[in-house]
Amino acid sequence: MKRKVEEDEKNEKIVRNLMKLPSNRRCINCNSQGPQYVCTNFSTFVCATCSGIHREFSHRVKSVSMATFTAEDVAGLREGGNEHAKEVYFRQWDSQHQSLPDNR
């Protein structure tokens, strides 16, 4: 039991540190500041509003402050995160003709 608690605390600390990285300080979907949730399907940090939208699509969303994170979740965030997601999902984004999403 003690080992599990220690593992959970370690994982929470890692997730909080990853959330502080410049690329993870804004919601991947709407660009609002200070995302407090993780969408584990995409290993991205999202805001409260976008977390609700992800849930509507049956995506797994966890609150950074309320949930426990598995080693798999942490590995996904280390390998992924918002910077990686932008490279994958926004790679063909043409900012000349399309504005970036905002929090409206």
PDB file of N, CA and C in Angstrom:
ATOM      1  N   MET A   1       0.824  -1.190   0.000  1.00  0.00           N
ATOM      2  CA  MET A   1       0.000   0.000   0.000  1.00  0.00           C
ATOM      3  C   MET A   1       0.870   1.257   0.000  1.00  0.00           C
ATOM      4  N   LYS A   2       1.888   1.273   0.864  1.00  0.00           N
ATOM      5  CA  LYS A   2       2.784   2.419   0.946  1.00  0.00           C
ATOM      6  C   LYS A   2       3.494   2.645  -0.383  1.00  0.00           C
ATOM      7  N   ARG A   3       3.862   1.551  -1.032  1.00  0.00           N
ATOM      8  CA  ARG A   3       4.550   1.635  -2.319  1.00  0.00           C
ATOM      9  C   ARG A   3       3.652   2.281  -3.379  1.00  0.00           C
ATOM     10  N   LYS A   4       2.366   1.915  -3.381  1.00  0.00           N
ATOM     11  CA  LYS A   4       1.408   2.485  -4.332  1.00  0.00           C
ATOM     12  C   LYS A   4       1.250   3.983  -4.105  1.00  0.00           C
ATOM     13  N   VAL A   5       1.146   4.396  -2.855  1.00  0.00           N
ATOM     14  CA  VAL A   5       1.017   5.814  -2.522  1.00  0.00           C
ATOM     15  C   VAL A   5       2.251   6.582  -2.993  1.00  0.00           C
ATOM     16  N   GLU A   6       3.420   6.016  -2.754  1.00  0.00           N
ATOM     17  CA  GLU A   6       4.659   6.657  -3.196  1.00  0.00           C
ATOM     18  C   GLU A   6       4.712   6.777  -4.714  1.00  0.00           C
ATOM     19  N   GLU A   7       4.266   5.732  -5.408  1.00  0.00           N
ATOM     20  CA  GLU A   7       4.236   5.743  -6.871  1.00  0.00           C
ATOM     21  C   GLU A   7       3.258   6.813  -7.377  1.00  0.00           C
ATOM     22  N   ASP A   8       2.084   6.888  -6.757  1.00  0.00           N
ATOM     23  CA  ASP A   8       1.091   7.893  -7.143  1.00  0.00           C
ATOM     24  C   ASP A   8       1.631   9.305  -6.940  1.00  0.00           C
ATOM     25  N   GLU A   9       2.290   9.542  -5.822  1.00  0.00           N
ATOM     26  CA  GLU A   9       2.858  10.860  -5.536  1.00  0.00           C
ATOM     27  C   GLU A   9       3.959  11.216  -6.530  1.00  0.00           C
ATOM     28  N   LYS A  10       4.784  10.235  -6.859  1.00  0.00           N
ATOM     29  CA  LYS A  10       5.856  10.442  -7.838  1.00  0.00           C
ATOM     30  C   LYS A  10       5.266  10.798  -9.196  1.00  0.00           C
ATOM     31  N   ASN A  11       4.244  10.055  -9.622  1.00  0.00           N
ATOM     32  CA  ASN A  11       3.617  10.309 -10.911  1.00  0.00           C
ATOM     33  C   ASN A  11       2.941  11.680 -10.942  1.00  0.00           C
ATOM     34  N   GLU A  12       2.280  12.052  -9.840  1.00  0.00           N
ATOM     35  CA  GLU A  12       1.629  13.361  -9.779  1.00  0.00           C
ATOM     36  C   GLU A  12       2.662  14.484  -9.915  1.00  0.00           C
ATOM     37  N   LYS A  13       3.787  14.332  -9.265  1.00  0.00           N
ATOM     38  CA  LYS A  13       4.848  15.338  -9.333  1.00  0.00           C
ATOM     39  C   LYS A  13       5.373  15.466 -10.757  1.00  0.00           C
ATOM     40  N   ILE A  14       5.557  14.344 -11.421  1.00  0.00           N
ATOM     41  CA  ILE A  14       6.031  14.364 -12.808  1.00  0.00           C
ATOM     42  C   ILE A  14       5.021  15.065 -13.709  1.00  0.00           C
ATOM     43  N   VAL A  15       3.736  14.734 -13.543  1.00  0.00           N
ATOM     44  CA  VAL A  15       2.698  15.356 -14.373  1.00  0.00           C
ATOM     45  C   VAL A  15       2.661  16.860 -14.128  1.00  0.00           C
ATOM     46  N   ARG A  16       2.737  17.272 -12.877  1.00  0.00           N
ATOM     47  CA  ARG A  16       2.742  18.706 -12.560  1.00  0.00           C
ATOM     48  C   ARG A  16       3.955  19.409 -13.171  1.00  0.00           C
ATOM     49  N   ASN A  17       5.093  18.759 -13.159  1.00  0.00           N
ATOM     50  CA  ASN A  17       6.287  19.340 -13.777  1.00  0.00           C
ATOM     51  C   ASN A  17       6.141  19.426 -15.297  1.00  0.00           C
ATOM     52  N   LEU A  18       5.560  18.400 -15.903  1.00  0.00           N
ATOM     53  CA  LEU A  18       5.321  18.431 -17.347  1.00  0.00           C
ATOM     54  C   LEU A  18       4.338  19.546 -17.713  1.00  0.00           C
ATOM     55  N   MET A  19       3.362  19.774 -16.845  1.00  0.00           N
ATOM     56  CA  MET A  19       2.366  20.815 -17.082  1.00  0.00           C
ATOM     57  C   MET A  19       3.011  22.205 -17.084  1.00  0.00           C
ATOM     58  N   LYS A  20       4.154  22.356 -16.435  1.00  0.00           N
ATOM     59  CA  LYS A  20       4.850  23.642 -16.354  1.00  0.00           C
ATOM     60  C   LYS A  20       5.700  23.945 -17.580  1.00  0.00           C
ATOM     61  N   LEU A  21       5.916  22.963 -18.436  1.00  0.00           N
ATOM     62  CA  LEU A  21       6.692  23.199 -19.650  1.00  0.00           C
ATOM     63  C   LEU A  21       5.969  24.233 -20.519  1.00  0.00           C
ATOM     64  N   PRO A  22       6.704  25.122 -21.168  1.00  0.00           N
ATOM     65  CA  PRO A  22       6.069  26.181 -21.969  1.00  0.00           C
ATOM     66  C   PRO A  22       5.008  25.674 -22.945  1.00  0.00           C
ATOM     67  N   SER A  23       5.267  24.570 -23.608  1.00  0.00           N
ATOM     68  CA  SER A  23       4.311  24.062 -24.601  1.00  0.00           C
ATOM     69  C   SER A  23       3.047  23.488 -23.968  1.00  0.00           C
ATOM     70  N   ASN A  24       3.104  23.162 -22.677  1.00  0.00           N
ATOM     71  CA  ASN A  24       1.937  22.580 -21.996  1.00  0.00           C
ATOM     72  C   ASN A  24       1.197  23.592 -21.129  1.00  0.00           C
ATOM     73  N   ARG A  25       1.603  24.847 -21.168  1.00  0.00           N
ATOM     74  CA  ARG A  25       0.968  25.876 -20.333  1.00  0.00           C
ATOM     75  C   ARG A  25      -0.325  26.412 -20.921  1.00  0.00           C
ATOM     76  N   ARG A  26      -0.622  25.996 -22.128  1.00  0.00           N
ATOM     77  CA  ARG A  26      -1.865  26.403 -22.790  1.00  0.00           C
ATOM     78  C   ARG A  26      -2.605  25.160 -23.266  1.00  0.00           C
ATOM     79  N   CYS A  27      -3.909  25.261 -23.265  1.00  0.00           N
ATOM     80  CA  CYS A  27      -4.750  24.153 -23.748  1.00  0.00           C
ATOM     81  C   CYS A  27      -4.419  23.887 -25.214  1.00  0.00           C
ATOM     82  N   ILE A  28      -4.229  22.636 -25.549  1.00  0.00           N
ATOM     83  CA  ILE A  28      -3.907  22.260 -26.922  1.00  0.00           C
ATOM     84  C   ILE A  28      -5.051  22.597 -27.877  1.00  0.00           C
ATOM     85  N   ASN A  29      -6.278  22.580 -27.385  1.00  0.00           N
ATOM     86  CA  ASN A  29      -7.431  22.761 -28.261  1.00  0.00           C
ATOM     87  C   ASN A  29      -7.859  24.212 -28.455  1.00  0.00           C
ATOM     88  N   CYS A  30      -7.837  25.021 -27.391  1.00  0.00           N
ATOM     89  CA  CYS A  30      -8.354  26.390 -27.510  1.00  0.00           C
ATOM     90  C   CYS A  30      -7.331  27.450 -27.153  1.00  0.00           C
ATOM     91  N   ASN A  31      -6.150  27.041 -26.745  1.00  0.00           N
ATOM     92  CA  ASN A  31      -5.047  27.949 -26.454  1.00  0.00           C
ATOM     93  C   ASN A  31      -5.242  28.780 -25.185  1.00  0.00           C
ATOM     94  N   SER A  32      -6.217  28.449 -24.350  1.00  0.00           N
ATOM     95  CA  SER A  32      -6.389  29.199 -23.100  1.00  0.00           C
ATOM     96  C   SER A  32      -5.268  28.825 -22.131  1.00  0.00           C
ATOM     97  N   GLN A  33      -4.953  29.746 -21.251  1.00  0.00           N
ATOM     98  CA  GLN A  33      -3.851  29.531 -20.313  1.00  0.00           C
ATOM     99  C   GLN A  33      -4.248  28.620 -19.162  1.00  0.00           C
ATOM    100  N   GLY A  34      -3.269  27.885 -18.669  1.00  0.00           N
ATOM    101  CA  GLY A  34      -3.423  27.114 -17.450  1.00  0.00           C
ATOM    102  C   GLY A  34      -4.308  25.891 -17.509  1.00  0.00           C
ATOM    103  N   PRO A  35      -4.091  24.994 -18.461  1.00  0.00           N
ATOM    104  CA  PRO A  35      -4.906  23.773 -18.491  1.00  0.00           C
ATOM    105  C   PRO A  35      -4.701  22.957 -17.215  1.00  0.00           C
ATOM    106  N   GLN A  36      -5.776  22.379 -16.717  1.00  0.00           N
ATOM    107  CA  GLN A  36      -5.727  21.611 -15.473  1.00  0.00           C
ATOM    108  C   GLN A  36      -6.149  20.155 -15.659  1.00  0.00           C
ATOM    109  N   TYR A  37      -6.274  19.732 -16.909  1.00  0.00           N
ATOM    110  CA  TYR A  37      -6.716  18.375 -17.211  1.00  0.00           C
ATOM    111  C   TYR A  37      -5.780  17.740 -18.225  1.00  0.00           C
ATOM    112  N   VAL A  38      -5.812  16.422 -18.249  1.00  0.00           N
ATOM    113  CA  VAL A  38      -5.039  15.664 -19.225  1.00  0.00           C
ATOM    114  C   VAL A  38      -6.012  14.768 -19.996  1.00  0.00           C
ATOM    115  N   CYS A  39      -5.939  14.828 -21.304  1.00  0.00           N
ATOM    116  CA  CYS A  39      -6.678  13.882 -22.138  1.00  0.00           C
ATOM    117  C   CYS A  39      -5.706  12.742 -22.423  1.00  0.00           C
ATOM    118  N   THR A  40      -5.952  11.600 -21.787  1.00  0.00           N
ATOM    119  CA  THR A  40      -5.005  10.496 -21.917  1.00  0.00           C
ATOM    120  C   THR A  40      -5.064   9.838 -23.299  1.00  0.00           C
ATOM    121  N   ASN A  41      -6.156  10.012 -24.028  1.00  0.00           N
ATOM    122  CA  ASN A  41      -6.235   9.455 -25.374  1.00  0.00           C
ATOM    123  C   ASN A  41      -5.165  10.058 -26.292  1.00  0.00           C
ATOM    124  N   PHE A  42      -4.887  11.358 -26.077  1.00  0.00           N
ATOM    125  CA  PHE A  42      -3.937  12.057 -26.930  1.00  0.00           C
ATOM    126  C   PHE A  42      -2.684  12.500 -26.177  1.00  0.00           C
ATOM    127  N   SER A  43      -2.638  12.232 -24.869  1.00  0.00           N
ATOM    128  CA  SER A  43      -1.514  12.655 -24.019  1.00  0.00           C
ATOM    129  C   SER A  43      -1.270  14.157 -24.137  1.00  0.00           C
ATOM    130  N   THR A  44      -2.360  14.917 -23.940  1.00  0.00           N
ATOM    131  CA  THR A  44      -2.297  16.368 -24.038  1.00  0.00           C
ATOM    132  C   THR A  44      -2.906  17.017 -22.808  1.00  0.00           C
ATOM    133  N   PHE A  45      -2.523  18.273 -22.581  1.00  0.00           N
ATOM    134  CA  PHE A  45      -3.075  19.075 -21.500  1.00  0.00           C
ATOM    135  C   PHE A  45      -4.190  19.951 -22.067  1.00  0.00           C
ATOM    136  N   VAL A  46      -5.347  19.933 -21.399  1.00  0.00           N
ATOM    137  CA  VAL A  46      -6.513  20.677 -21.872  1.00  0.00           C
ATOM    138  C   VAL A  46      -7.156  21.454 -20.721  1.00  0.00           C
ATOM    139  N   CYS A  47      -7.949  22.468 -21.075  1.00  0.00           N
ATOM    140  CA  CYS A  47      -8.651  23.280 -20.083  1.00  0.00           C
ATOM    141  C   CYS A  47      -9.954  22.582 -19.666  1.00  0.00           C
ATOM    142  N   ALA A  48     -10.643  23.172 -18.710  1.00  0.00           N
ATOM    143  CA  ALA A  48     -11.893  22.595 -18.195  1.00  0.00           C
ATOM    144  C   ALA A  48     -12.959  22.506 -19.288  1.00  0.00           C
ATOM    145  N   THR A  49     -13.094  23.541 -20.084  1.00  0.00           N
ATOM    146  CA  THR A  49     -14.105  23.542 -21.150  1.00  0.00           C
ATOM    147  C   THR A  49     -13.826  22.443 -22.162  1.00  0.00           C
ATOM    148  N   CYS A  50     -12.584  22.370 -22.625  1.00  0.00           N
ATOM    149  CA  CYS A  50     -12.228  21.360 -23.626  1.00  0.00           C
ATOM    150  C   CYS A  50     -12.246  19.952 -23.049  1.00  0.00           C
ATOM    151  N   SER A  51     -11.987  19.826 -21.740  1.00  0.00           N
ATOM    152  CA  SER A  51     -12.068  18.500 -21.117  1.00  0.00           C
ATOM    153  C   SER A  51     -13.486  17.961 -21.220  1.00  0.00           C
ATOM    154  N   GLY A  52     -14.479  18.848 -21.047  1.00  0.00           N
ATOM    155  CA  GLY A  52     -15.876  18.433 -21.183  1.00  0.00           C
ATOM    156  C   GLY A  52     -16.205  17.987 -22.596  1.00  0.00           C
ATOM    157  N   ILE A  53     -15.655  18.687 -23.570  1.00  0.00           N
ATOM    158  CA  ILE A  53     -15.886  18.311 -24.970  1.00  0.00           C
ATOM    159  C   ILE A  53     -15.238  16.970 -25.259  1.00  0.00           C
ATOM    160  N   HIS A  54     -14.030  16.760 -24.760  1.00  0.00           N
ATOM    161  CA  HIS A  54     -13.373  15.461 -24.941  1.00  0.00           C
ATOM    162  C   HIS A  54     -14.208  14.343 -24.314  1.00  0.00           C
ATOM    163  N   ARG A  55     -14.767  14.595 -23.143  1.00  0.00           N
ATOM    164  CA  ARG A  55     -15.605  13.581 -22.492  1.00  0.00           C
ATOM    165  C   ARG A  55     -16.832  13.246 -23.333  1.00  0.00           C
ATOM    166  N   GLU A  56     -17.378  14.252 -24.023  1.00  0.00           N
ATOM    167  CA  GLU A  56     -18.531  13.999 -24.903  1.00  0.00           C
ATOM    168  C   GLU A  56     -18.180  13.011 -26.007  1.00  0.00           C
ATOM    169  N   PHE A  57     -16.916  12.955 -26.373  1.00  0.00           N
ATOM    170  CA  PHE A  57     -16.447  12.002 -27.387  1.00  0.00           C
ATOM    171  C   PHE A  57     -15.919  10.713 -26.754  1.00  0.00           C
ATOM    172  N   SER A  58     -16.221  10.539 -25.476  1.00  0.00           N
ATOM    173  CA  SER A  58     -15.801   9.351 -24.713  1.00  0.00           C
ATOM    174  C   SER A  58     -14.285   9.233 -24.579  1.00  0.00           C
ATOM    175  N   HIS A  59     -13.603  10.364 -24.638  1.00  0.00           N
ATOM    176  CA  HIS A  59     -12.165  10.363 -24.383  1.00  0.00           C
ATOM    177  C   HIS A  59     -11.942  10.333 -22.879  1.00  0.00           C
ATOM    178  N   ARG A  60     -10.856   9.746 -22.473  1.00  0.00           N
ATOM    179  CA  ARG A  60     -10.509   9.655 -21.048  1.00  0.00           C
ATOM    180  C   ARG A  60      -9.813  10.942 -20.648  1.00  0.00           C
ATOM    181  N   VAL A  61     -10.380  11.632 -19.666  1.00  0.00           N
ATOM    182  CA  VAL A  61      -9.832  12.899 -19.182  1.00  0.00           C
ATOM    183  C   VAL A  61      -9.619  12.790 -17.682  1.00  0.00           C
ATOM    184  N   LYS A  62      -8.479  13.281 -17.228  1.00  0.00           N
ATOM    185  CA  LYS A  62      -8.159  13.250 -15.795  1.00  0.00           C
ATOM    186  C   LYS A  62      -7.794  14.641 -15.319  1.00  0.00           C
ATOM    187  N   SER A  63      -8.270  14.987 -14.135  1.00  0.00           N
ATOM    188  CA  SER A  63      -7.900  16.243 -13.498  1.00  0.00           C
ATOM    189  C   SER A  63      -6.510  16.092 -12.894  1.00  0.00           C
ATOM    190  N   VAL A  64      -5.645  17.065 -13.137  1.00  0.00           N
ATOM    191  CA  VAL A  64      -4.288  16.993 -12.600  1.00  0.00           C
ATOM    192  C   VAL A  64      -4.320  17.009 -11.074  1.00  0.00           C
ATOM    193  N   SER A  65      -5.248  17.750 -10.496  1.00  0.00           N
ATOM    194  CA  SER A  65      -5.277  17.885  -9.040  1.00  0.00           C
ATOM    195  C   SER A  65      -6.077  16.795  -8.329  1.00  0.00           C
ATOM    196  N   MET A  66      -6.948  16.088  -9.046  1.00  0.00           N
ATOM    197  CA  MET A  66      -7.837  15.134  -8.376  1.00  0.00           C
ATOM    198  C   MET A  66      -7.582  13.664  -8.726  1.00  0.00           C
ATOM    199  N   ALA A  67      -6.951  13.409  -9.835  1.00  0.00           N
ATOM    200  CA  ALA A  67      -6.801  12.032 -10.308  1.00  0.00           C
ATOM    201  C   ALA A  67      -5.431  11.463  -9.961  1.00  0.00           C
ATOM    202  N   THR A  68      -5.352  10.164 -10.054  1.00  0.00           N
ATOM    203  CA  THR A  68      -4.048   9.508  -9.966  1.00  0.00           C
ATOM    204  C   THR A  68      -3.639   9.116 -11.383  1.00  0.00           C
ATOM    205  N   PHE A  69      -2.347   9.159 -11.628  1.00  0.00           N
ATOM    206  CA  PHE A  69      -1.827   8.872 -12.958  1.00  0.00           C
ATOM    207  C   PHE A  69      -0.991   7.604 -12.919  1.00  0.00           C
ATOM    208  N   THR A  70      -1.217   6.754 -13.898  1.00  0.00           N
ATOM    209  CA  THR A  70      -0.464   5.509 -13.999  1.00  0.00           C
ATOM    210  C   THR A  70       0.895   5.792 -14.638  1.00  0.00           C
ATOM    211  N   ALA A  71       1.774   4.826 -14.542  1.00  0.00           N
ATOM    212  CA  ALA A  71       3.074   4.940 -15.209  1.00  0.00           C
ATOM    213  C   ALA A  71       2.867   5.089 -16.713  1.00  0.00           C
ATOM    214  N   GLU A  72       1.849   4.428 -17.253  1.00  0.00           N
ATOM    215  CA  GLU A  72       1.536   4.529 -18.683  1.00  0.00           C
ATOM    216  C   GLU A  72       1.102   5.954 -19.044  1.00  0.00           C
ATOM    217  N   ASP A  73       0.267   6.574 -18.188  1.00  0.00           N
ATOM    218  CA  ASP A  73      -0.152   7.962 -18.413  1.00  0.00           C
ATOM    219  C   ASP A  73       1.060   8.880 -18.464  1.00  0.00           C
ATOM    220  N   VAL A  74       1.945   8.710 -17.490  1.00  0.00           N
ATOM    221  CA  VAL A  74       3.137   9.556 -17.388  1.00  0.00           C
ATOM    222  C   VAL A  74       4.042   9.356 -18.610  1.00  0.00           C
ATOM    223  N   ALA A  75       4.232   8.116 -19.012  1.00  0.00           N
ATOM    224  CA  ALA A  75       5.058   7.837 -20.191  1.00  0.00           C
ATOM    225  C   ALA A  75       4.458   8.492 -21.436  1.00  0.00           C
ATOM    226  N   GLY A  76       3.141   8.421 -21.565  1.00  0.00           N
ATOM    227  CA  GLY A  76       2.464   9.050 -22.700  1.00  0.00           C
ATOM    228  C   GLY A  76       2.674  10.548 -22.732  1.00  0.00           C
ATOM    229  N   LEU A  77       2.596  11.183 -21.557  1.00  0.00           N
ATOM    230  CA  LEU A  77       2.800  12.629 -21.480  1.00  0.00           C
ATOM    231  C   LEU A  77       4.254  13.006 -21.739  1.00  0.00           C
ATOM    232  N   ARG A  78       5.163  12.177 -21.286  1.00  0.00           N
ATOM    233  CA  ARG A  78       6.591  12.447 -21.541  1.00  0.00           C
ATOM    234  C   ARG A  78       6.896  12.348 -23.038  1.00  0.00           C
ATOM    235  N   GLU A  79       6.336  11.336 -23.673  1.00  0.00           N
ATOM    236  CA  GLU A  79       6.577  11.127 -25.104  1.00  0.00           C
ATOM    237  C   GLU A  79       5.713  12.046 -25.957  1.00  0.00           C
ATOM    238  N   GLY A  80       4.559  12.410 -25.424  1.00  0.00           N
ATOM    239  CA  GLY A  80       3.618  13.239 -26.175  1.00  0.00           C
ATOM    240  C   GLY A  80       3.626  14.667 -25.702  1.00  0.00           C
ATOM    241  N   GLY A  81       2.570  15.051 -25.017  1.00  0.00           N
ATOM    242  CA  GLY A  81       2.436  16.436 -24.588  1.00  0.00           C
ATOM    243  C   GLY A  81       1.928  17.296 -25.726  1.00  0.00           C
ATOM    244  N   ASN A  82       1.697  18.553 -25.418  1.00  0.00           N
ATOM    245  CA  ASN A  82       1.094  19.449 -26.401  1.00  0.00           C
ATOM    246  C   ASN A  82       2.005  19.740 -27.585  1.00  0.00           C
ATOM    247  N   GLU A  83       3.308  19.818 -27.358  1.00  0.00           N
ATOM    248  CA  GLU A  83       4.231  20.101 -28.468  1.00  0.00           C
ATOM    249  C   GLU A  83       4.171  18.979 -29.507  1.00  0.00           C
ATOM    250  N   HIS A  84       4.217  17.750 -29.047  1.00  0.00           N
ATOM    251  CA  HIS A  84       4.136  16.605 -29.963  1.00  0.00           C
ATOM    252  C   HIS A  84       2.787  16.584 -30.682  1.00  0.00           C
ATOM    253  N   ALA A  85       1.716  16.851 -29.934  1.00  0.00           N
ATOM    254  CA  ALA A  85       0.381  16.857 -30.536  1.00  0.00           C
ATOM    255  C   ALA A  85       0.276  17.917 -31.628  1.00  0.00           C
ATOM    256  N   LYS A  86       0.865  19.088 -31.393  1.00  0.00           N
ATOM    257  CA  LYS A  86       0.853  20.135 -32.424  1.00  0.00           C
ATOM    258  C   LYS A  86       1.583  19.665 -33.676  1.00  0.00           C
ATOM    259  N   GLU A  87       2.713  18.981 -33.490  1.00  0.00           N
ATOM    260  CA  GLU A  87       3.473  18.480 -34.637  1.00  0.00           C
ATOM    261  C   GLU A  87       2.654  17.463 -35.429  1.00  0.00           C
ATOM    262  N   VAL A  88       1.857  16.675 -34.741  1.00  0.00           N
ATOM    263  CA  VAL A  88       1.069  15.645 -35.410  1.00  0.00           C
ATOM    264  C   VAL A  88      -0.219  16.210 -36.003  1.00  0.00           C
ATOM    265  N   TYR A  89      -1.006  16.900 -35.174  1.00  0.00           N
ATOM    266  CA  TYR A  89      -2.359  17.293 -35.576  1.00  0.00           C
ATOM    267  C   TYR A  89      -2.434  18.656 -36.260  1.00  0.00           C
ATOM    268  N   PHE A  90      -1.439  19.517 -36.049  1.00  0.00           N
ATOM    269  CA  PHE A  90      -1.448  20.837 -36.672  1.00  0.00           C
ATOM    270  C   PHE A  90      -0.357  20.979 -37.727  1.00  0.00           C
ATOM    271  N   ARG A  91       0.258  19.896 -38.132  1.00  0.00           N
ATOM    272  CA  ARG A  91       1.404  19.989 -39.039  1.00  0.00           C
ATOM    273  C   ARG A  91       1.010  20.606 -40.385  1.00  0.00           C
ATOM    274  N   GLN A  92      -0.215  20.413 -40.821  1.00  0.00           N
ATOM    275  CA  GLN A  92      -0.631  20.983 -42.101  1.00  0.00           C
ATOM    276  C   GLN A  92      -1.469  22.250 -41.924  1.00  0.00           C
ATOM    277  N   TRP A  93      -1.487  22.777 -40.706  1.00  0.00           N
ATOM    278  CA  TRP A  93      -2.259  23.982 -40.413  1.00  0.00           C
ATOM    279  C   TRP A  93      -1.660  25.163 -41.166  1.00  0.00           C
ATOM    280  N   ASP A  94      -2.486  25.876 -41.875  1.00  0.00           N
ATOM    281  CA  ASP A  94      -2.041  27.038 -42.629  1.00  0.00           C
ATOM    282  C   ASP A  94      -2.519  28.300 -41.916  1.00  0.00           C
ATOM    283  N   SER A  95      -1.633  28.899 -41.129  1.00  0.00           N
ATOM    284  CA  SER A  95      -2.023  30.072 -40.341  1.00  0.00           C
ATOM    285  C   SER A  95      -2.328  31.288 -41.221  1.00  0.00           C
ATOM    286  N   GLN A  96      -1.947  31.250 -42.484  1.00  0.00           N
ATOM    287  CA  GLN A  96      -2.274  32.336 -43.420  1.00  0.00           C
ATOM    288  C   GLN A  96      -3.767  32.341 -43.745  1.00  0.00           C
ATOM    289  N   HIS A  97      -4.370  31.136 -43.767  1.00  0.00           N
ATOM    290  CA  HIS A  97      -5.770  31.026 -44.165  1.00  0.00           C
ATOM    291  C   HIS A  97      -6.696  30.558 -43.042  1.00  0.00           C
ATOM    292  N   GLN A  98      -6.129  30.080 -41.955  1.00  0.00           N
ATOM    293  CA  GLN A  98      -6.935  29.570 -40.839  1.00  0.00           C
ATOM    294  C   GLN A  98      -6.358  30.116 -39.537  1.00  0.00           C
ATOM    295  N   SER A  99      -7.227  30.681 -38.726  1.00  0.00           N
ATOM    296  CA  SER A  99      -6.738  31.154 -37.423  1.00  0.00           C
ATOM    297  C   SER A  99      -6.668  29.970 -36.472  1.00  0.00           C
ATOM    298  N   LEU A 100      -5.786  30.094 -35.498  1.00  0.00           N
ATOM    299  CA  LEU A 100      -5.702  29.058 -34.481  1.00  0.00           C
ATOM    300  C   LEU A 100      -6.959  29.082 -33.626  1.00  0.00           C
ATOM    301  N   PRO A 101      -7.371  27.956 -33.093  1.00  0.00           N
ATOM    302  CA  PRO A 101      -8.546  27.942 -32.212  1.00  0.00           C
ATOM    303  C   PRO A 101      -8.301  28.834 -30.997  1.00  0.00           C
ATOM    304  N   ASP A 102      -9.369  29.412 -30.490  1.00  0.00           N
ATOM    305  CA  ASP A 102      -9.253  30.195 -29.269  1.00  0.00           C
ATOM    306  C   ASP A 102     -10.287  29.701 -28.259  1.00  0.00           C
ATOM    307  N   ASN A 103     -10.321  30.333 -27.108  1.00  0.00           N
ATOM    308  CA  ASN A 103     -11.185  29.826 -26.049  1.00  0.00           C
ATOM    309  C   ASN A 103     -12.614  30.333 -26.114  1.00  0.00           C
ATOM    310  N   ARG A 104     -13.030  30.859 -27.248  1.00  0.00           N
ATOM    311  CA  ARG A 104     -14.437  31.234 -27.432  1.00  0.00           C
ATOM    312  C   ARG A 104     -15.192  30.058 -27.954  1.00  0.00           C
TER     313      ARG A 104
END
